[in-house]
Amino acid sequence: MENNVYGKGNICEMELSLPGPKIFATSKETTFEAAAKETISDLEKQLKKRKAKFTTH
């Protein structure tokens, strides 16, 4: 939680360790739940992109 008077003070950071480069996402929202949802959504996009990259080889 960040001390921010402008509203978006809840930060969620997640890092996944997989073969290859690590996958990392972060988001800052008004509630922790919204920040976690946004971060998970970003991780899903990165995982789908990586999966598509590996299936073409």
C-alpha atoms as a PDB file:
ATOM      1  CA  MET A   1       0.000   0.000   0.000  1.00  0.00           C
ATOM      2  CA  GLU A   2       1.347   3.371  -1.015  1.00  0.00           C
ATOM      3  CA  ASN A   3       0.636   6.568   0.868  1.00  0.00           C
ATOM      4  CA  ASN A   4      -1.058   8.461  -1.963  1.00  0.00           C
ATOM      5  CA  VAL A   5      -3.692  11.155  -1.515  1.00  0.00           C
ATOM      6  CA  TYR A   6      -4.873  10.896  -5.142  1.00  0.00           C
ATOM      7  CA  GLY A   7      -6.641   7.537  -4.795  1.00  0.00           C
ATOM      8  CA  LYS A   8      -4.697   4.817  -6.589  1.00  0.00           C
ATOM      9  CA  GLY A   9      -2.514   3.696  -3.716  1.00  0.00           C
ATOM     10  CA  ASN A  10      -2.924  -0.083  -3.685  1.00  0.00           C
ATOM     11  CA  ILE A  11      -0.098  -1.809  -5.547  1.00  0.00           C
ATOM     12  CA  CYS A  12       0.019  -5.455  -6.586  1.00  0.00           C
ATOM     13  CA  GLU A  13       3.213  -6.986  -7.987  1.00  0.00           C
ATOM     14  CA  MET A  14       3.552 -10.605  -9.131  1.00  0.00           C
ATOM     15  CA  GLU A  15       6.477 -12.504 -10.605  1.00  0.00           C
ATOM     16  CA  LEU A  16       6.414 -15.978 -12.144  1.00  0.00           C
ATOM     17  CA  SER A  17       9.550 -18.080 -12.427  1.00  0.00           C
ATOM     18  CA  LEU A  18       9.398 -20.261 -15.519  1.00  0.00           C
ATOM     19  CA  PRO A  19      11.955 -21.679 -17.920  1.00  0.00           C
ATOM     20  CA  GLY A  20      13.298 -18.696 -19.797  1.00  0.00           C
ATOM     21  CA  PRO A  21      12.875 -15.104 -18.696  1.00  0.00           C
ATOM     22  CA  LYS A  22      10.766 -14.369 -15.625  1.00  0.00           C
ATOM     23  CA  ILE A  23       7.283 -12.981 -16.132  1.00  0.00           C
ATOM     24  CA  PHE A  24       6.515  -9.896 -14.062  1.00  0.00           C
ATOM     25  CA  ALA A  25       3.440  -7.679 -13.800  1.00  0.00           C
ATOM     26  CA  THR A  26       2.423  -4.834 -11.548  1.00  0.00           C
ATOM     27  CA  SER A  27      -0.591  -2.566 -11.245  1.00  0.00           C
ATOM     28  CA  LYS A  28      -1.780   0.279  -9.065  1.00  0.00           C
ATOM     29  CA  GLU A  29      -5.518   0.671  -8.435  1.00  0.00           C
ATOM     30  CA  THR A  30      -7.936   2.159  -5.911  1.00  0.00           C
ATOM     31  CA  THR A  31      -8.572  -1.220  -4.218  1.00  0.00           C
ATOM     32  CA  PHE A  32      -6.252  -4.162  -3.668  1.00  0.00           C
ATOM     33  CA  GLU A  33      -8.771  -6.531  -5.290  1.00  0.00           C
ATOM     34  CA  ALA A  34      -8.853  -4.448  -8.482  1.00  0.00           C
ATOM     35  CA  ALA A  35      -5.057  -4.268  -8.520  1.00  0.00           C
ATOM     36  CA  ALA A  36      -4.769  -8.063  -8.127  1.00  0.00           C
ATOM     37  CA  LYS A  37      -7.326  -8.633 -10.906  1.00  0.00           C
ATOM     38  CA  GLU A  38      -5.475  -6.312 -13.275  1.00  0.00           C
ATOM     39  CA  THR A  39      -2.117  -7.893 -12.460  1.00  0.00           C
ATOM     40  CA  ILE A  40      -3.457 -11.413 -13.054  1.00  0.00           C
ATOM     41  CA  SER A  41      -4.948 -10.272 -16.355  1.00  0.00           C
ATOM     42  CA  ASP A  42      -1.567  -8.900 -17.432  1.00  0.00           C
ATOM     43  CA  LEU A  43       0.158 -12.167 -16.444  1.00  0.00           C
ATOM     44  CA  GLU A  44      -2.391 -14.190 -18.452  1.00  0.00           C
ATOM     45  CA  LYS A  45      -1.668 -12.065 -21.543  1.00  0.00           C
ATOM     46  CA  GLN A  46       2.070 -12.623 -21.153  1.00  0.00           C
ATOM     47  CA  LEU A  47       1.617 -16.375 -20.638  1.00  0.00           C
ATOM     48  CA  LYS A  48      -0.579 -16.671 -23.751  1.00  0.00           C
ATOM     49  CA  LYS A  49       2.031 -14.767 -25.756  1.00  0.00           C
ATOM     50  CA  ARG A  50       4.817 -17.050 -24.497  1.00  0.00           C
ATOM     51  CA  LYS A  51       2.743 -20.174 -25.175  1.00  0.00           C
ATOM     52  CA  ALA A  52       2.090 -19.039 -28.749  1.00  0.00           C
ATOM     53  CA  LYS A  53       5.805 -18.425 -29.205  1.00  0.00           C
ATOM     54  CA  PHE A  54       6.722 -21.952 -28.032  1.00  0.00           C
ATOM     55  CA  THR A  55       4.019 -23.747 -30.048  1.00  0.00           C
ATOM     56  CA  THR A  56       5.259 -22.267 -33.336  1.00  0.00           C
ATOM     57  CA  HIS A  57       8.739 -23.806 -32.896  1.00  0.00           C
END
